[in-house]
């Protein structure tokens, strides 16, 4: 869970470094390109979650842990609902599915999310799979107006100061403020998030 706090610190640090670049520098801003497979963290804007209307509600970790067996596989699911400061309902369901023989041994798997960005940490960190796990997510009540019309929302693997586009095609409805992913592929555990190129 400490890595979620490190994510915010990484964004700040990388942003400060890249703000000093000029147009001849390879870290200068890139054009929107839906074919890009990786980008510096400073060039990716992760989707923000709306603020909770509950008084004195601080950002917290939403977490779920489930024992996944090698023989049967299984699902880890994080549900979250609340009323936003604008009076709208926010709903999120994120599910990580494991087919049988995906994990190398029976393992307690967890999904940890903060309440500020659509970024999740899957644990135990560094674990590898014999097959890909499948990530699905349904989110309603997002403010997607910051997403440019010529940009696509992608699922990113966040590895330090670098983001890599992962297999899976999120679909968004800007007017409805919704995001749906049914086919995200997760090969190993770390930080993953939904975002777009700046």
N, C-alpha and C. Protein backbone atom coordinates (compact mmCIF):
# COMPACT_ATOMS: atom_id res chain seq x y z
N UNK A 1 0.81 -1.19 0.00
CA UNK A 1 0.00 0.00 0.00
C UNK A 1 0.86 1.26 0.00
N UNK A 2 2.11 1.13 0.49
CA UNK A 2 3.01 2.28 0.47
C UNK A 2 3.28 2.73 -0.95
N UNK A 3 3.18 1.81 -1.92
CA UNK A 3 3.52 2.15 -3.30
C UNK A 3 2.52 3.11 -3.89
N UNK A 4 1.26 3.11 -3.40
CA UNK A 4 0.29 4.07 -3.90
C UNK A 4 0.72 5.49 -3.54
N UNK A 5 1.28 5.67 -2.34
CA UNK A 5 1.80 6.97 -1.95
C UNK A 5 3.04 7.31 -2.78
N UNK A 6 3.84 6.29 -3.09
CA UNK A 6 5.02 6.52 -3.94
C UNK A 6 4.61 6.94 -5.33
N UNK A 7 3.43 6.47 -5.81
CA UNK A 7 2.94 6.87 -7.13
C UNK A 7 2.79 8.38 -7.20
N UNK A 8 2.15 8.97 -6.18
CA UNK A 8 1.97 10.42 -6.16
C UNK A 8 3.30 11.15 -6.12
N UNK A 9 4.24 10.64 -5.33
CA UNK A 9 5.56 11.26 -5.25
C UNK A 9 6.30 11.15 -6.58
N UNK A 10 6.17 10.01 -7.27
CA UNK A 10 6.81 9.83 -8.58
C UNK A 10 6.28 10.83 -9.60
N UNK A 11 4.94 11.01 -9.60
CA UNK A 11 4.34 11.96 -10.55
C UNK A 11 4.92 13.34 -10.34
N UNK A 12 5.02 13.78 -9.07
CA UNK A 12 5.56 15.10 -8.77
C UNK A 12 7.01 15.23 -9.20
N UNK A 13 7.84 14.25 -8.85
CA UNK A 13 9.26 14.29 -9.18
C UNK A 13 9.50 14.28 -10.69
N UNK A 14 8.84 13.36 -11.39
CA UNK A 14 9.03 13.27 -12.83
C UNK A 14 8.51 14.52 -13.52
N UNK A 15 7.40 15.07 -13.00
CA UNK A 15 6.86 16.30 -13.57
C UNK A 15 7.81 17.47 -13.44
N UNK A 16 8.47 17.59 -12.28
CA UNK A 16 9.43 18.67 -12.07
C UNK A 16 10.61 18.56 -13.02
N UNK A 17 11.10 17.33 -13.19
CA UNK A 17 12.25 17.11 -14.08
C UNK A 17 11.88 17.42 -15.52
N UNK A 18 10.71 16.92 -15.96
CA UNK A 18 10.34 17.08 -17.36
C UNK A 18 9.92 18.50 -17.68
N UNK A 19 9.51 19.29 -16.68
CA UNK A 19 9.10 20.66 -16.96
C UNK A 19 10.27 21.53 -17.39
N UNK A 20 11.48 21.05 -17.16
CA UNK A 20 12.67 21.80 -17.56
C UNK A 20 13.12 21.45 -18.98
N UNK A 21 12.41 20.54 -19.66
CA UNK A 21 12.84 20.11 -20.99
C UNK A 21 12.43 21.12 -22.04
N UNK A 22 13.13 21.08 -23.19
CA UNK A 22 12.74 21.91 -24.33
C UNK A 22 12.38 21.02 -25.49
N UNK A 23 12.04 21.64 -26.64
CA UNK A 23 11.51 20.86 -27.77
C UNK A 23 12.54 19.94 -28.38
N UNK A 24 13.85 20.15 -28.12
CA UNK A 24 14.86 19.25 -28.66
C UNK A 24 15.16 18.10 -27.72
N UNK A 25 14.57 18.13 -26.54
CA UNK A 25 14.81 17.11 -25.54
C UNK A 25 13.86 15.94 -25.76
N UNK A 26 14.32 14.69 -25.65
CA UNK A 26 13.44 13.55 -25.87
C UNK A 26 12.33 13.43 -24.84
N UNK A 27 12.42 14.19 -23.73
CA UNK A 27 11.34 14.14 -22.75
C UNK A 27 10.31 15.25 -22.98
N UNK A 28 10.46 15.98 -24.10
CA UNK A 28 9.49 17.04 -24.39
C UNK A 28 8.13 16.44 -24.69
N UNK A 29 7.04 17.25 -24.57
CA UNK A 29 5.69 16.71 -24.76
C UNK A 29 5.53 16.02 -26.09
N UNK A 30 4.82 14.88 -26.06
CA UNK A 30 4.57 14.13 -27.29
C UNK A 30 3.15 14.38 -27.76
N UNK A 31 2.94 14.23 -29.05
CA UNK A 31 1.60 14.39 -29.61
C UNK A 31 0.75 13.21 -29.18
N UNK A 32 -0.59 13.41 -29.19
CA UNK A 32 -1.48 12.29 -28.91
C UNK A 32 -1.28 11.23 -29.98
N UNK A 33 -1.05 10.01 -29.55
CA UNK A 33 -0.81 8.92 -30.49
C UNK A 33 -1.34 7.65 -29.85
N UNK A 34 -2.45 7.16 -30.38
CA UNK A 34 -3.08 5.98 -29.80
C UNK A 34 -2.28 4.71 -30.03
N UNK A 35 -1.24 4.76 -30.91
CA UNK A 35 -0.43 3.58 -31.18
C UNK A 35 0.77 3.48 -30.24
N UNK A 36 0.98 4.49 -29.40
CA UNK A 36 2.12 4.48 -28.48
C UNK A 36 1.97 3.33 -27.50
N UNK A 37 3.06 2.59 -27.25
CA UNK A 37 3.00 1.45 -26.34
C UNK A 37 3.61 1.76 -24.98
N UNK A 38 4.42 2.83 -24.87
CA UNK A 38 4.94 3.23 -23.58
C UNK A 38 5.23 4.72 -23.60
N UNK A 39 5.27 5.30 -22.40
CA UNK A 39 5.50 6.74 -22.28
C UNK A 39 5.99 7.04 -20.87
N UNK A 40 6.74 8.15 -20.71
CA UNK A 40 7.13 8.54 -19.35
C UNK A 40 5.89 8.82 -18.51
N UNK A 41 5.97 8.54 -17.22
CA UNK A 41 4.85 8.76 -16.31
C UNK A 41 4.36 10.20 -16.36
N UNK A 42 5.28 11.15 -16.55
CA UNK A 42 4.91 12.56 -16.59
C UNK A 42 4.04 12.90 -17.79
N UNK A 43 4.01 12.03 -18.80
CA UNK A 43 3.22 12.29 -20.01
C UNK A 43 1.88 11.55 -20.00
N UNK A 44 1.59 10.86 -18.89
CA UNK A 44 0.34 10.12 -18.78
C UNK A 44 -0.50 10.74 -17.67
N UNK A 45 -1.73 11.06 -17.98
CA UNK A 45 -2.66 11.60 -16.99
C UNK A 45 -3.59 10.47 -16.54
N UNK A 46 -3.47 10.05 -15.28
CA UNK A 46 -4.35 9.01 -14.75
C UNK A 46 -5.72 9.62 -14.45
N UNK A 47 -6.76 8.85 -14.68
CA UNK A 47 -8.11 9.34 -14.44
C UNK A 47 -8.32 9.62 -12.95
N UNK A 48 -8.90 10.78 -12.66
CA UNK A 48 -9.18 11.15 -11.28
C UNK A 48 -10.53 10.61 -10.86
N UNK A 49 -10.62 10.24 -9.59
CA UNK A 49 -11.90 9.84 -9.02
C UNK A 49 -12.57 11.07 -8.41
N UNK A 50 -13.91 11.14 -8.47
CA UNK A 50 -14.60 12.30 -7.89
C UNK A 50 -14.50 12.30 -6.37
N UNK A 51 -14.60 13.49 -5.79
CA UNK A 51 -14.50 13.62 -4.34
C UNK A 51 -15.77 13.11 -3.66
N UNK A 52 -15.55 12.47 -2.53
CA UNK A 52 -16.65 11.94 -1.73
C UNK A 52 -17.32 13.09 -0.97
N UNK A 53 -18.66 13.11 -0.97
CA UNK A 53 -19.40 14.19 -0.31
C UNK A 53 -19.47 14.03 1.20
N UNK A 54 -19.13 12.85 1.72
CA UNK A 54 -19.21 12.62 3.16
C UNK A 54 -18.29 13.59 3.89
N UNK A 55 -18.78 14.26 4.95
CA UNK A 55 -17.94 15.24 5.66
C UNK A 55 -16.72 14.58 6.28
N UNK A 56 -15.60 15.31 6.21
CA UNK A 56 -14.33 14.84 6.79
C UNK A 56 -13.87 13.51 6.22
N UNK A 57 -14.28 13.22 5.00
CA UNK A 57 -13.89 11.96 4.38
C UNK A 57 -12.51 12.13 3.75
N UNK A 58 -11.50 11.49 4.31
CA UNK A 58 -10.15 11.59 3.79
C UNK A 58 -9.90 10.48 2.78
N UNK A 59 -8.92 10.70 1.91
CA UNK A 59 -8.52 9.65 0.97
C UNK A 59 -8.08 8.44 1.76
N UNK A 60 -8.49 7.28 1.33
CA UNK A 60 -8.15 6.06 2.05
C UNK A 60 -7.86 4.95 1.05
N UNK A 61 -7.43 3.83 1.58
CA UNK A 61 -7.18 2.67 0.75
C UNK A 61 -8.42 1.78 0.74
N UNK A 62 -8.87 1.40 -0.45
CA UNK A 62 -9.94 0.42 -0.59
C UNK A 62 -9.24 -0.88 -0.92
N UNK A 63 -9.44 -1.90 -0.10
CA UNK A 63 -8.65 -3.11 -0.26
C UNK A 63 -9.52 -4.35 -0.15
N UNK A 64 -9.14 -5.38 -0.89
CA UNK A 64 -9.81 -6.68 -0.82
C UNK A 64 -8.76 -7.76 -1.02
N UNK A 65 -8.81 -8.82 -0.19
CA UNK A 65 -7.86 -9.93 -0.28
C UNK A 65 -8.61 -11.25 -0.34
N UNK A 66 -8.18 -12.14 -1.25
CA UNK A 66 -8.82 -13.44 -1.43
C UNK A 66 -7.73 -14.48 -1.67
N UNK A 67 -7.94 -15.69 -1.14
CA UNK A 67 -7.03 -16.80 -1.42
C UNK A 67 -7.37 -17.38 -2.78
N UNK A 68 -6.41 -17.34 -3.70
CA UNK A 68 -6.56 -17.92 -5.03
C UNK A 68 -5.78 -19.23 -5.05
N UNK A 69 -6.45 -20.32 -5.42
CA UNK A 69 -5.78 -21.62 -5.44
C UNK A 69 -5.31 -21.96 -6.85
N UNK A 70 -4.24 -22.72 -6.91
CA UNK A 70 -3.73 -23.14 -8.22
C UNK A 70 -4.73 -24.06 -8.91
N UNK A 71 -5.38 -24.93 -8.16
CA UNK A 71 -6.29 -25.91 -8.77
C UNK A 71 -7.57 -25.28 -9.31
N UNK A 72 -8.12 -24.30 -8.58
CA UNK A 72 -9.43 -23.74 -8.95
C UNK A 72 -9.38 -22.33 -9.51
N UNK A 73 -8.31 -21.59 -9.23
CA UNK A 73 -8.29 -20.18 -9.62
C UNK A 73 -9.24 -19.40 -8.73
N UNK A 74 -9.89 -18.38 -9.28
CA UNK A 74 -10.85 -17.61 -8.51
C UNK A 74 -10.85 -16.14 -8.89
N UNK A 75 -11.61 -15.34 -8.13
CA UNK A 75 -11.76 -13.91 -8.41
C UNK A 75 -11.46 -13.09 -7.16
N UNK A 76 -10.86 -11.92 -7.38
CA UNK A 76 -10.73 -10.90 -6.34
C UNK A 76 -11.50 -9.70 -6.85
N UNK A 77 -12.42 -9.18 -6.03
CA UNK A 77 -13.27 -8.08 -6.49
C UNK A 77 -13.30 -6.96 -5.46
N UNK A 78 -13.16 -5.72 -5.95
CA UNK A 78 -13.28 -4.53 -5.11
C UNK A 78 -14.49 -3.73 -5.57
N UNK A 79 -15.52 -3.64 -4.71
CA UNK A 79 -16.66 -2.76 -5.01
C UNK A 79 -16.54 -1.46 -4.22
N UNK A 80 -17.00 -0.36 -4.79
CA UNK A 80 -16.96 0.93 -4.08
C UNK A 80 -18.09 1.80 -4.61
N UNK A 81 -18.89 2.37 -3.71
CA UNK A 81 -19.95 3.31 -4.10
C UNK A 81 -19.99 4.45 -3.09
N UNK A 82 -20.26 5.66 -3.58
CA UNK A 82 -20.48 6.80 -2.69
C UNK A 82 -21.13 7.93 -3.48
N UNK A 83 -21.61 8.95 -2.75
CA UNK A 83 -22.17 10.15 -3.35
C UNK A 83 -21.07 11.20 -3.45
N UNK A 84 -20.93 11.81 -4.63
CA UNK A 84 -19.87 12.79 -4.85
C UNK A 84 -20.29 14.17 -4.36
N UNK A 85 -19.32 15.09 -4.33
CA UNK A 85 -19.61 16.45 -3.89
C UNK A 85 -20.57 17.16 -4.83
N UNK A 86 -20.70 16.67 -6.07
CA UNK A 86 -21.65 17.26 -7.01
C UNK A 86 -23.02 16.59 -6.92
N UNK A 87 -23.18 15.66 -5.98
CA UNK A 87 -24.47 15.02 -5.77
C UNK A 87 -24.73 13.81 -6.65
N UNK A 88 -23.73 13.40 -7.42
CA UNK A 88 -23.91 12.23 -8.29
C UNK A 88 -23.47 10.96 -7.56
N UNK A 89 -23.94 9.84 -8.06
CA UNK A 89 -23.53 8.56 -7.51
C UNK A 89 -22.28 8.08 -8.23
N UNK A 90 -21.29 7.64 -7.47
CA UNK A 90 -20.09 7.03 -8.04
C UNK A 90 -20.13 5.54 -7.72
N UNK A 91 -19.86 4.72 -8.74
CA UNK A 91 -19.85 3.27 -8.56
C UNK A 91 -18.63 2.69 -9.27
N UNK A 92 -17.93 1.80 -8.59
CA UNK A 92 -16.76 1.13 -9.16
C UNK A 92 -16.78 -0.34 -8.75
N UNK A 93 -16.57 -1.20 -9.73
CA UNK A 93 -16.34 -2.61 -9.45
C UNK A 93 -15.14 -3.04 -10.28
N UNK A 94 -14.09 -3.51 -9.61
CA UNK A 94 -12.89 -4.00 -10.29
C UNK A 94 -12.70 -5.47 -9.91
N UNK A 95 -12.54 -6.32 -10.92
CA UNK A 95 -12.41 -7.76 -10.67
C UNK A 95 -11.18 -8.30 -11.38
N UNK A 96 -10.40 -9.09 -10.65
CA UNK A 96 -9.24 -9.77 -11.21
C UNK A 96 -9.57 -11.26 -11.20
N UNK A 97 -9.61 -11.87 -12.40
CA UNK A 97 -10.00 -13.27 -12.55
C UNK A 97 -8.79 -14.15 -12.86
N UNK A 98 -8.72 -15.28 -12.16
CA UNK A 98 -7.64 -16.23 -12.36
C UNK A 98 -8.23 -17.57 -12.79
N UNK A 99 -7.86 -18.04 -13.98
CA UNK A 99 -8.24 -19.39 -14.40
C UNK A 99 -7.47 -20.41 -13.56
N UNK A 100 -7.93 -21.66 -13.51
CA UNK A 100 -7.13 -22.70 -12.87
C UNK A 100 -5.73 -22.78 -13.49
N UNK A 101 -4.74 -23.08 -12.67
CA UNK A 101 -3.33 -23.23 -13.08
C UNK A 101 -2.69 -21.89 -13.47
N UNK A 102 -3.28 -20.77 -13.04
CA UNK A 102 -2.68 -19.46 -13.31
C UNK A 102 -1.59 -19.15 -12.30
N UNK A 103 -1.92 -19.27 -11.00
CA UNK A 103 -0.90 -19.01 -9.98
C UNK A 103 -0.05 -20.27 -9.80
N UNK A 104 1.20 -20.08 -9.44
CA UNK A 104 2.11 -21.21 -9.30
C UNK A 104 1.90 -21.99 -8.01
N UNK A 105 1.26 -21.35 -7.02
CA UNK A 105 0.91 -21.99 -5.74
C UNK A 105 -0.26 -21.22 -5.15
N UNK A 106 -0.98 -21.82 -4.23
CA UNK A 106 -2.08 -21.13 -3.56
C UNK A 106 -1.55 -19.84 -2.95
N UNK A 107 -2.21 -18.72 -3.27
CA UNK A 107 -1.67 -17.40 -2.90
C UNK A 107 -2.80 -16.46 -2.50
N UNK A 108 -2.57 -15.68 -1.45
CA UNK A 108 -3.50 -14.62 -1.09
C UNK A 108 -3.22 -13.42 -1.99
N UNK A 109 -4.23 -13.05 -2.78
CA UNK A 109 -4.11 -11.96 -3.75
C UNK A 109 -4.94 -10.78 -3.26
N UNK A 110 -4.39 -9.58 -3.38
CA UNK A 110 -5.16 -8.40 -2.97
C UNK A 110 -5.13 -7.31 -4.03
N UNK A 111 -6.21 -6.53 -4.05
CA UNK A 111 -6.31 -5.32 -4.86
C UNK A 111 -6.41 -4.16 -3.88
N UNK A 112 -5.52 -3.18 -4.02
CA UNK A 112 -5.53 -1.99 -3.17
C UNK A 112 -5.68 -0.76 -4.06
N UNK A 113 -6.65 0.09 -3.71
CA UNK A 113 -6.87 1.32 -4.48
C UNK A 113 -6.95 2.50 -3.53
N UNK A 114 -6.46 3.67 -4.01
CA UNK A 114 -6.75 4.86 -3.22
C UNK A 114 -8.02 5.49 -3.78
N UNK A 115 -8.46 6.57 -3.16
CA UNK A 115 -9.73 7.18 -3.58
C UNK A 115 -9.52 8.47 -4.36
N UNK A 116 -8.33 8.64 -4.94
CA UNK A 116 -8.05 9.86 -5.69
C UNK A 116 -7.87 9.61 -7.18
N UNK A 117 -7.28 8.48 -7.55
CA UNK A 117 -7.07 8.17 -8.96
C UNK A 117 -7.50 6.74 -9.25
N UNK A 118 -7.72 6.46 -10.52
CA UNK A 118 -8.12 5.12 -10.93
C UNK A 118 -6.86 4.28 -11.15
N UNK A 119 -6.10 4.13 -10.05
CA UNK A 119 -4.86 3.36 -10.02
C UNK A 119 -4.99 2.30 -8.95
N UNK A 120 -4.58 1.08 -9.27
CA UNK A 120 -4.68 -0.03 -8.32
C UNK A 120 -3.33 -0.71 -8.18
N UNK A 121 -3.06 -1.17 -6.97
CA UNK A 121 -1.87 -1.98 -6.72
C UNK A 121 -2.32 -3.41 -6.47
N UNK A 122 -1.76 -4.34 -7.22
CA UNK A 122 -2.06 -5.75 -7.05
C UNK A 122 -0.90 -6.37 -6.27
N UNK A 123 -1.23 -7.15 -5.24
CA UNK A 123 -0.20 -7.76 -4.40
C UNK A 123 -0.45 -9.25 -4.24
N UNK A 124 0.61 -10.04 -3.95
CA UNK A 124 1.97 -9.61 -3.60
C UNK A 124 2.75 -9.11 -4.81
N UNK A 125 3.47 -8.01 -4.60
CA UNK A 125 4.22 -7.38 -5.68
C UNK A 125 5.27 -8.33 -6.24
N UNK A 126 5.41 -8.31 -7.57
CA UNK A 126 6.44 -9.10 -8.23
C UNK A 126 6.04 -10.51 -8.59
N UNK A 127 4.87 -10.97 -8.15
CA UNK A 127 4.45 -12.34 -8.44
C UNK A 127 4.23 -12.52 -9.94
N UNK A 128 4.66 -13.66 -10.47
CA UNK A 128 4.51 -13.99 -11.90
C UNK A 128 3.47 -15.10 -12.03
N UNK A 129 2.85 -15.18 -13.20
CA UNK A 129 1.80 -16.17 -13.42
C UNK A 129 2.16 -17.11 -14.56
N UNK A 130 1.60 -18.33 -14.50
CA UNK A 130 1.77 -19.28 -15.61
C UNK A 130 0.83 -18.92 -16.76
N UNK A 131 -0.26 -18.22 -16.46
CA UNK A 131 -1.17 -17.68 -17.47
C UNK A 131 -1.47 -16.24 -17.08
N UNK A 132 -1.98 -15.47 -18.02
CA UNK A 132 -2.38 -14.10 -17.71
C UNK A 132 -3.66 -14.10 -16.87
N UNK A 133 -3.72 -13.21 -15.89
CA UNK A 133 -4.96 -12.94 -15.18
C UNK A 133 -5.76 -11.93 -16.02
N UNK A 134 -7.08 -11.94 -15.84
CA UNK A 134 -7.95 -11.03 -16.60
C UNK A 134 -8.53 -9.98 -15.68
N UNK A 135 -8.35 -8.72 -16.06
CA UNK A 135 -8.88 -7.60 -15.28
C UNK A 135 -10.12 -7.04 -15.96
N UNK A 136 -11.18 -6.89 -15.18
CA UNK A 136 -12.38 -6.21 -15.68
C UNK A 136 -12.72 -5.08 -14.71
N UNK A 137 -13.30 -4.02 -15.25
CA UNK A 137 -13.67 -2.88 -14.42
C UNK A 137 -14.90 -2.20 -15.01
N UNK A 138 -15.81 -1.82 -14.13
CA UNK A 138 -16.96 -1.02 -14.51
C UNK A 138 -17.01 0.18 -13.57
N UNK A 139 -16.95 1.38 -14.14
CA UNK A 139 -16.91 2.60 -13.34
C UNK A 139 -17.97 3.56 -13.87
N UNK A 140 -18.76 4.12 -12.96
CA UNK A 140 -19.79 5.10 -13.32
C UNK A 140 -19.65 6.31 -12.41
N UNK A 141 -19.89 7.49 -12.97
CA UNK A 141 -19.82 8.72 -12.19
C UNK A 141 -18.51 9.46 -12.29
N UNK A 142 -17.68 9.11 -13.30
CA UNK A 142 -16.42 9.81 -13.52
C UNK A 142 -16.64 11.14 -14.22
N UNK A 143 -15.74 12.08 -14.01
CA UNK A 143 -15.68 13.30 -14.81
C UNK A 143 -14.63 13.08 -15.89
N UNK A 144 -15.10 12.80 -17.11
CA UNK A 144 -14.17 12.48 -18.20
C UNK A 144 -13.94 13.68 -19.13
N UNK A 145 -14.39 14.88 -18.72
CA UNK A 145 -14.18 16.05 -19.57
C UNK A 145 -12.70 16.38 -19.78
N UNK A 146 -11.76 16.03 -18.86
CA UNK A 146 -10.34 16.31 -19.14
C UNK A 146 -9.75 15.44 -20.25
N UNK A 147 -10.43 14.37 -20.64
CA UNK A 147 -9.89 13.49 -21.69
C UNK A 147 -10.10 14.16 -23.05
N UNK A 148 -9.02 14.49 -23.77
CA UNK A 148 -9.18 15.13 -25.08
C UNK A 148 -9.93 14.23 -26.06
N UNK A 149 -10.62 14.85 -27.01
CA UNK A 149 -11.39 14.08 -28.00
C UNK A 149 -10.50 13.18 -28.84
N UNK A 150 -9.23 13.58 -29.03
CA UNK A 150 -8.33 12.78 -29.87
C UNK A 150 -7.46 11.82 -29.06
N UNK A 151 -7.81 11.62 -27.78
CA UNK A 151 -7.03 10.72 -26.93
C UNK A 151 -7.86 9.49 -26.59
N UNK A 152 -7.18 8.39 -26.34
CA UNK A 152 -7.83 7.15 -25.93
C UNK A 152 -7.39 6.79 -24.52
N UNK A 153 -8.33 6.37 -23.71
CA UNK A 153 -8.00 5.89 -22.37
C UNK A 153 -7.45 4.48 -22.49
N UNK A 154 -6.34 4.23 -21.81
CA UNK A 154 -5.67 2.93 -21.87
C UNK A 154 -5.44 2.40 -20.46
N UNK A 155 -5.20 1.10 -20.37
CA UNK A 155 -4.74 0.47 -19.14
C UNK A 155 -3.22 0.48 -19.17
N UNK A 156 -2.60 1.12 -18.16
CA UNK A 156 -1.15 1.25 -18.10
C UNK A 156 -0.57 0.45 -16.94
N UNK A 157 0.56 -0.18 -17.21
CA UNK A 157 1.42 -0.74 -16.16
C UNK A 157 2.39 0.36 -15.77
N UNK A 158 2.44 0.71 -14.48
CA UNK A 158 3.29 1.79 -14.00
C UNK A 158 4.53 1.18 -13.36
N UNK A 159 5.67 1.41 -14.01
CA UNK A 159 6.93 0.85 -13.55
C UNK A 159 7.89 1.99 -13.29
N UNK A 160 7.90 2.48 -12.06
CA UNK A 160 8.74 3.63 -11.74
C UNK A 160 8.29 4.86 -12.51
N UNK A 161 9.18 5.43 -13.31
CA UNK A 161 8.86 6.64 -14.07
C UNK A 161 8.38 6.32 -15.49
N UNK A 162 8.08 5.07 -15.78
CA UNK A 162 7.66 4.66 -17.12
C UNK A 162 6.29 3.97 -17.06
N UNK A 163 5.46 4.23 -18.05
CA UNK A 163 4.15 3.58 -18.18
C UNK A 163 4.11 2.78 -19.47
N UNK A 164 3.59 1.57 -19.40
CA UNK A 164 3.47 0.70 -20.57
C UNK A 164 2.00 0.36 -20.78
N UNK A 165 1.53 0.50 -22.03
CA UNK A 165 0.15 0.15 -22.36
C UNK A 165 -0.01 -1.36 -22.29
N UNK A 166 -1.04 -1.82 -21.58
CA UNK A 166 -1.32 -3.24 -21.43
C UNK A 166 -2.44 -3.66 -22.37
N UNK A 167 -2.48 -4.97 -22.73
CA UNK A 167 -3.58 -5.46 -23.57
C UNK A 167 -4.92 -5.24 -22.88
N UNK A 168 -5.92 -4.93 -23.68
CA UNK A 168 -7.25 -4.62 -23.17
C UNK A 168 -7.68 -3.26 -23.67
N UNK A 169 -8.94 -3.14 -24.04
CA UNK A 169 -9.44 -1.89 -24.62
C UNK A 169 -10.57 -1.31 -23.76
N UNK A 170 -10.26 -0.36 -22.88
CA UNK A 170 -11.33 0.29 -22.13
C UNK A 170 -12.22 1.09 -23.06
N UNK A 171 -13.51 1.06 -22.82
CA UNK A 171 -14.44 1.92 -23.56
C UNK A 171 -15.00 2.95 -22.59
N UNK A 172 -15.07 4.19 -23.06
CA UNK A 172 -15.59 5.25 -22.20
C UNK A 172 -16.77 5.94 -22.87
N UNK A 173 -17.65 6.46 -22.05
CA UNK A 173 -18.75 7.31 -22.49
C UNK A 173 -18.60 8.61 -21.72
N UNK A 174 -18.09 9.65 -22.39
CA UNK A 174 -17.80 10.90 -21.70
C UNK A 174 -19.05 11.54 -21.13
N UNK A 175 -20.14 11.48 -21.88
CA UNK A 175 -21.38 12.10 -21.42
C UNK A 175 -21.91 11.40 -20.17
N UNK A 176 -21.82 10.09 -20.14
CA UNK A 176 -22.33 9.32 -19.00
C UNK A 176 -21.30 9.21 -17.87
N UNK A 177 -20.04 9.54 -18.18
CA UNK A 177 -18.99 9.43 -17.17
C UNK A 177 -18.68 7.99 -16.80
N UNK A 178 -18.69 7.12 -17.81
CA UNK A 178 -18.50 5.70 -17.51
C UNK A 178 -17.28 5.13 -18.23
N UNK A 179 -16.71 4.09 -17.63
CA UNK A 179 -15.61 3.34 -18.21
C UNK A 179 -15.89 1.86 -18.00
N UNK A 180 -15.67 1.08 -19.05
CA UNK A 180 -15.85 -0.37 -18.96
C UNK A 180 -14.64 -1.05 -19.59
N UNK A 181 -14.07 -2.01 -18.86
CA UNK A 181 -12.99 -2.86 -19.37
C UNK A 181 -13.39 -4.30 -19.08
N UNK A 182 -13.31 -5.15 -20.09
CA UNK A 182 -13.66 -6.56 -19.89
C UNK A 182 -12.49 -7.51 -20.15
N UNK A 183 -11.43 -7.00 -20.79
CA UNK A 183 -10.40 -7.91 -21.29
C UNK A 183 -8.97 -7.47 -20.98
N UNK A 184 -8.76 -6.79 -19.85
CA UNK A 184 -7.41 -6.40 -19.47
C UNK A 184 -6.57 -7.62 -19.12
N UNK A 185 -5.33 -7.65 -19.53
CA UNK A 185 -4.45 -8.79 -19.28
C UNK A 185 -3.32 -8.38 -18.34
N UNK A 186 -3.18 -9.13 -17.26
CA UNK A 186 -2.18 -8.85 -16.23
C UNK A 186 -1.22 -10.02 -16.16
N UNK A 187 0.07 -9.76 -16.44
CA UNK A 187 1.08 -10.82 -16.47
C UNK A 187 1.83 -10.96 -15.15
N UNK A 188 1.90 -9.88 -14.40
CA UNK A 188 2.60 -9.89 -13.12
C UNK A 188 2.07 -8.73 -12.30
N UNK A 189 2.42 -8.70 -11.03
CA UNK A 189 1.83 -7.70 -10.13
C UNK A 189 2.72 -6.49 -9.91
N UNK A 190 2.04 -5.35 -9.83
CA UNK A 190 2.65 -4.06 -9.54
C UNK A 190 1.51 -3.04 -9.53
N UNK A 191 1.81 -1.81 -9.99
CA UNK A 191 0.80 -0.75 -10.10
C UNK A 191 0.23 -0.71 -11.51
N UNK A 192 -1.08 -0.57 -11.60
CA UNK A 192 -1.77 -0.44 -12.89
C UNK A 192 -2.78 0.69 -12.77
N UNK A 193 -2.99 1.42 -13.86
CA UNK A 193 -3.95 2.51 -13.81
C UNK A 193 -4.54 2.82 -15.17
N UNK A 194 -5.67 3.51 -15.16
CA UNK A 194 -6.33 3.95 -16.38
C UNK A 194 -6.00 5.41 -16.62
N UNK A 195 -5.52 5.72 -17.83
CA UNK A 195 -5.15 7.09 -18.13
C UNK A 195 -5.04 7.33 -19.61
N UNK A 196 -4.52 8.52 -19.96
CA UNK A 196 -4.36 8.89 -21.36
C UNK A 196 -3.14 9.76 -21.51
N UNK A 197 -2.62 9.82 -22.72
CA UNK A 197 -1.44 10.65 -22.99
C UNK A 197 -1.82 12.12 -22.96
N UNK A 198 -1.00 12.93 -22.30
CA UNK A 198 -1.24 14.37 -22.25
C UNK A 198 -0.91 14.99 -23.58
